[in-house]
Protein backbone atom coordinates (compact mmCIF):
# COMPACT_ATOMS: atom_id res chain seq x y z
CA UNK A 1 170.70 -0.75 75.93
CA UNK A 2 170.43 3.18 77.63
CA UNK A 3 167.13 4.92 76.13
CA UNK A 4 169.14 8.15 76.06
CA UNK A 5 172.04 8.60 73.31
CA UNK A 6 174.12 12.42 72.03
CA UNK A 7 175.58 13.70 69.43
CA UNK A 8 178.58 15.70 69.54
CA UNK A 9 179.27 18.48 67.98
CA UNK A 10 182.95 19.61 68.69
CA UNK A 11 184.24 22.64 67.63
CA UNK A 12 188.06 23.73 67.27
CA UNK A 13 189.46 27.02 66.00
CA UNK A 14 190.64 30.23 67.84
CA UNK A 15 189.11 34.26 68.54
CA UNK A 16 192.25 36.01 67.48
CA UNK A 17 195.39 35.33 69.29
CA UNK A 18 193.18 32.54 71.65
CA UNK A 19 192.23 29.07 70.99
CA UNK A 20 188.50 28.37 70.94
CA UNK A 21 186.82 27.73 74.48
CA UNK A 22 183.66 27.71 76.50
CA UNK A 23 185.02 31.51 78.01
CA UNK A 24 185.48 33.43 74.90
CA UNK A 25 182.17 31.27 72.86
CA UNK A 26 179.63 34.06 72.11
CA UNK A 27 176.05 33.35 73.31
CA UNK A 28 174.99 34.12 69.65
CA UNK A 29 177.10 31.05 68.45
CA UNK A 30 175.38 28.98 71.09
CA UNK A 31 172.30 29.37 70.10
CA UNK A 32 172.54 29.10 66.29
CA UNK A 33 174.59 25.39 67.47
CA UNK A 34 171.30 24.87 68.75
CA UNK A 35 168.62 25.86 66.25
CA UNK A 36 170.63 23.59 63.60
CA UNK A 37 171.11 20.24 65.89
CA UNK A 38 167.24 20.64 66.51
CA UNK A 39 167.10 19.97 62.51
CA UNK A 40 169.44 17.69 62.44
CA UNK A 41 168.03 15.61 64.78
CA UNK A 42 164.53 16.10 64.10
CA UNK A 43 163.93 17.38 60.37
CA UNK A 44 159.80 17.20 60.60
CA UNK A 45 157.55 18.59 62.42
CA UNK A 46 158.20 19.29 65.72
CA UNK A 47 155.31 19.65 67.65
CA UNK A 48 156.44 16.25 68.96
CA UNK A 49 159.46 15.34 69.43
CA UNK A 50 161.47 13.85 72.20
CA UNK A 51 163.02 16.25 74.44
CA UNK A 52 166.95 17.14 74.15
CA UNK A 53 169.24 18.39 76.73
CA UNK A 54 171.83 20.45 76.38
CA UNK A 55 175.58 20.55 78.21
CA UNK A 56 178.67 22.76 76.76
CA UNK A 57 182.37 21.25 77.40
CA UNK A 58 186.05 22.02 77.54
CA UNK A 59 187.44 20.70 73.92
CA UNK A 60 187.72 22.96 72.50
CA UNK A 61 183.82 23.31 72.85
CA UNK A 62 181.65 20.38 72.51
CA UNK A 63 178.21 20.58 72.85
CA UNK A 64 176.66 18.00 74.19
CA UNK A 65 173.18 17.46 73.48
CA UNK A 66 171.09 14.59 74.76
CA UNK A 67 167.45 12.85 73.28
CA UNK A 68 166.18 9.38 72.32
CA UNK A 69 168.39 6.90 71.64
CA UNK A 70 165.73 5.96 68.46
CA UNK A 71 166.66 9.37 66.84
CA UNK A 72 170.64 9.30 67.59
CA UNK A 73 170.64 5.44 66.38
CA UNK A 74 169.23 7.03 62.73
CA UNK A 75 171.29 10.13 62.84
CA UNK A 76 174.55 8.30 62.91
CA UNK A 77 173.63 6.58 60.19
CA UNK A 78 173.24 9.74 58.86
CA UNK A 79 176.42 11.06 59.25
CA UNK A 80 178.41 7.89 57.43
CA UNK A 81 176.64 8.40 54.48
CA UNK A 82 177.59 11.85 54.40
CA UNK A 83 181.15 11.45 55.33
CA UNK A 84 181.13 8.16 52.32
CA UNK A 85 179.48 10.25 49.67
CA UNK A 86 180.47 14.03 50.92
CA UNK A 87 177.50 14.88 49.62
CA UNK A 88 174.54 16.51 51.19
CA UNK A 89 171.34 16.03 48.59
CA UNK A 90 170.19 13.06 49.98
CA UNK A 91 169.13 14.70 53.07
CA UNK A 92 165.76 16.19 53.80
CA UNK A 93 165.52 19.73 53.64
CA UNK A 94 165.75 20.95 57.18
CA UNK A 95 168.61 18.30 57.92
CA UNK A 96 170.59 19.59 54.47
CA UNK A 97 170.47 22.85 55.50
CA UNK A 98 171.70 22.59 58.96
CA UNK A 99 174.58 21.55 57.66
CA UNK A 100 174.55 24.37 54.99
CA UNK A 101 174.03 26.59 58.00
CA UNK A 102 177.23 24.44 59.71
CA UNK A 103 179.35 24.85 56.29
CA UNK A 104 178.99 28.76 56.45
CA UNK A 105 180.40 28.69 59.92
CA UNK A 106 182.94 27.11 59.40
CA UNK A 107 184.28 28.87 56.01
CA UNK A 108 183.82 32.30 58.16
CA UNK A 109 184.72 31.60 61.22
CA UNK A 110 187.65 29.27 60.13
CA UNK A 111 186.62 26.75 62.65
CA UNK A 112 186.06 23.40 62.24
CA UNK A 113 183.17 21.19 62.84
CA UNK A 114 183.63 17.92 64.30
CA UNK A 115 180.44 15.47 64.53
CA UNK A 116 179.70 12.26 66.02
CA UNK A 117 177.46 10.68 68.28
CA UNK A 118 177.35 8.37 71.61
CA UNK A 119 177.46 4.81 70.00
CA UNK A 120 180.01 2.41 69.62
CA UNK A 121 182.55 3.08 66.57
CA UNK A 122 180.28 5.73 65.62
CA UNK A 123 180.35 7.46 62.37
CA UNK A 124 181.83 11.15 62.42
CA UNK A 125 181.93 13.77 59.88
CA UNK A 126 184.34 16.40 59.73
CA UNK A 127 182.60 20.40 58.34
CA UNK A 128 185.75 22.85 57.70
CA UNK A 129 186.91 25.80 55.56
CA UNK A 130 188.05 23.52 52.72
CA UNK A 131 184.68 21.31 52.72
CA UNK A 132 181.54 22.27 50.18
CA UNK A 133 178.71 20.72 51.93
CA UNK A 134 176.14 22.20 49.68
CA UNK A 135 173.38 21.64 47.82
CA UNK A 136 172.58 21.59 44.75
CA UNK A 137 170.91 23.87 43.09
CA UNK A 138 169.82 22.65 39.49
CA UNK A 139 167.41 19.71 41.72
CA UNK A 140 165.67 23.06 43.16
CA UNK A 141 162.68 24.58 40.47
CA UNK A 142 160.45 26.60 41.06
CA UNK A 143 157.12 25.84 41.75
CA UNK A 144 153.39 26.63 42.89
CA UNK A 145 151.46 25.30 45.39
CA UNK A 146 148.25 25.53 47.76
CA UNK A 147 147.65 25.06 50.65
CA UNK A 148 145.03 24.32 52.94
CA UNK A 149 144.08 24.74 56.61
CA UNK A 150 143.82 26.76 59.77
CA UNK A 151 145.88 30.47 59.64
CA UNK A 152 147.41 30.53 63.59
CA UNK A 153 149.55 33.80 63.15
CA UNK A 154 149.63 36.66 60.35
CA UNK A 155 152.09 39.84 60.72
CA UNK A 156 155.34 41.21 61.78
CA UNK A 157 157.24 43.86 61.88
CA UNK A 158 159.69 43.38 59.31
CA UNK A 159 159.32 40.55 56.93
CA UNK A 160 155.49 39.60 57.80
CA UNK A 161 154.41 36.13 57.35
CA UNK A 162 151.03 33.97 57.42
CA UNK A 163 151.63 30.89 59.32
CA UNK A 164 148.75 28.29 58.01
CA UNK A 165 148.25 24.67 59.85
CA UNK A 166 147.83 22.06 57.90
CA UNK A 167 147.00 18.38 57.81
CA UNK A 168 150.11 16.99 55.18
CA UNK A 169 153.10 19.29 56.31
CA UNK A 170 151.77 20.86 60.03
CA UNK A 171 152.76 24.21 60.15
CA UNK A 172 154.04 25.70 57.02
CA UNK A 173 155.08 29.82 56.98
CA UNK A 174 154.63 32.49 53.93
CA UNK A 175 155.97 35.31 53.47
CA UNK A 176 153.97 37.86 52.59
CA UNK A 177 153.81 41.39 51.50
CA UNK A 178 152.48 43.67 54.33
CA UNK A 179 150.28 45.88 52.09
CA UNK A 180 148.14 42.91 51.55
CA UNK A 181 147.89 42.32 55.48
CA UNK A 182 147.56 46.09 56.05
CA UNK A 183 144.17 45.96 53.61
CA UNK A 184 142.40 42.57 54.15
CA UNK A 185 139.88 43.61 56.30
CA UNK A 186 138.65 40.59 58.15
CA UNK A 187 140.30 39.23 60.76
CA UNK A 188 142.34 36.13 59.58
CA UNK A 189 143.44 33.88 62.89
CA UNK A 190 141.87 30.67 62.79
CA UNK A 191 140.31 30.75 60.31
CA UNK A 192 140.42 28.18 57.23
CA UNK A 193 141.59 29.22 54.25
CA UNK A 194 143.54 28.65 51.26
CA UNK A 195 146.67 30.17 50.01
CA UNK A 196 148.49 30.19 46.75
CA UNK A 197 152.39 30.39 46.97
CA UNK A 198 155.48 30.01 44.78
CA UNK A 199 158.57 28.68 46.23
CA UNK A 200 161.24 25.57 45.54
CA UNK A 201 160.62 22.27 45.00
CA UNK A 202 163.09 19.39 44.46
CA UNK A 203 162.58 18.16 41.51
CA UNK A 204 163.31 14.52 42.17
CA UNK A 205 161.59 13.72 46.08
CA UNK A 206 159.16 16.24 45.90
CA UNK A 207 160.08 18.06 49.16
CA UNK A 208 159.11 21.71 49.42
CA UNK A 209 161.09 24.11 50.34
CA UNK A 210 159.37 26.57 52.79
CA UNK A 211 161.22 28.91 54.18
CA UNK A 212 161.20 29.82 49.68
CA UNK A 213 157.46 30.10 49.61
CA UNK A 214 155.66 33.60 49.38
CA UNK A 215 152.43 34.68 49.20
CA UNK A 216 150.75 35.13 45.43
CA UNK A 217 146.66 34.78 46.98
CA UNK A 218 144.61 33.84 49.23
CA UNK A 219 141.76 31.34 48.81
CA UNK A 220 138.48 31.57 50.60
CA UNK A 221 137.85 28.17 51.28
CA UNK A 222 134.74 26.66 53.78
CA UNK A 223 134.84 23.09 53.13
CA UNK A 224 131.44 21.80 53.99
CA UNK A 225 128.51 19.34 52.93
CA UNK A 226 126.18 20.39 51.48
CA UNK A 227 123.38 18.19 51.06
CA UNK A 228 120.80 19.97 48.81
CA UNK A 229 123.14 20.51 46.21
CA UNK A 230 124.42 17.48 46.57
CA UNK A 231 120.42 16.18 45.30
CA UNK A 232 120.29 18.74 42.94
CA UNK A 233 123.03 17.39 41.34
CA UNK A 234 121.54 13.63 41.62
CA UNK A 235 118.26 14.90 40.18
CA UNK A 236 120.14 16.19 37.21
CA UNK A 237 121.74 13.48 36.23
CA UNK A 238 118.77 10.78 37.02
CA UNK A 239 116.83 13.09 34.17
CA UNK A 240 120.01 13.22 31.83
CA UNK A 241 122.14 10.16 31.01
CA UNK A 242 120.64 8.21 34.22
CA UNK A 243 116.88 8.34 33.29
CA UNK A 244 117.94 6.87 29.96
CA UNK A 245 119.87 3.72 30.61
CA UNK A 246 118.20 0.09 31.67
CA UNK A 247 120.50 -0.68 34.52
CA UNK A 248 119.85 -4.82 33.54
CA UNK A 249 121.48 -4.39 29.99
CA UNK A 250 124.54 -1.92 31.16
CA UNK A 251 125.18 -4.48 33.73
CA UNK A 252 125.14 -7.08 30.80
CA UNK A 253 127.79 -4.81 28.95
CA UNK A 254 130.03 -4.00 31.97
CA UNK A 255 130.49 -8.03 33.02
CA UNK A 256 130.55 -9.07 29.06
CA UNK A 257 131.34 -12.66 28.72
CA UNK A 258 132.49 -13.11 32.19
CA UNK A 259 129.32 -14.80 33.22
CA UNK A 260 129.14 -17.24 29.80
């Protein structure tokens, strides 16, 4: 089997009196499709994802995105399930958002999107002004989170954010008031902190909507092995309840009648 496959996103519609084609399809629309296509294929951390190559073709407009066949096979299963149940609540968050964005474009511009893969007998899902591929709002609830890791970026001209790299989720971006960053005296970059934030969490899967995260508090977090502190705790325990225990009797009580 070929190690490379592709997804095809075919868009039909019009620009005024003209049928849609690569000649009248704006570069901003191309950028939007590329951003969403990446999330369709790779919903998680993108740092180590395989290469995605791209070309645009006639008919009306075809976006062809090539990548590892492994991910194409997985995506084919995803669009098959969407087409069957006409619902996107089961998707990973970033994939669901990509479909929502495509749905929004379809409604605003009266476009029709046909999304399929290069596989033989590929599944296909159609998104147009009559479909409603949106997540159920009821399953997303407000929640509070704590993220621990290294701050890799902080700031922004209009909308400020703190980017923190975590072991569990990779880089997490938290919307942060400019007023906090202005008054914070120390340099945050490349230092380890905890960030308390609020945002949306899926009530069934536990997935976090990282785009909804809003800053609450910065927590000074410097984990280290403190031998003196641990020794003091051991000494305190030994002088109190440990000093009153007879090890042999305690072991017999734990075993009960096991050795009888």
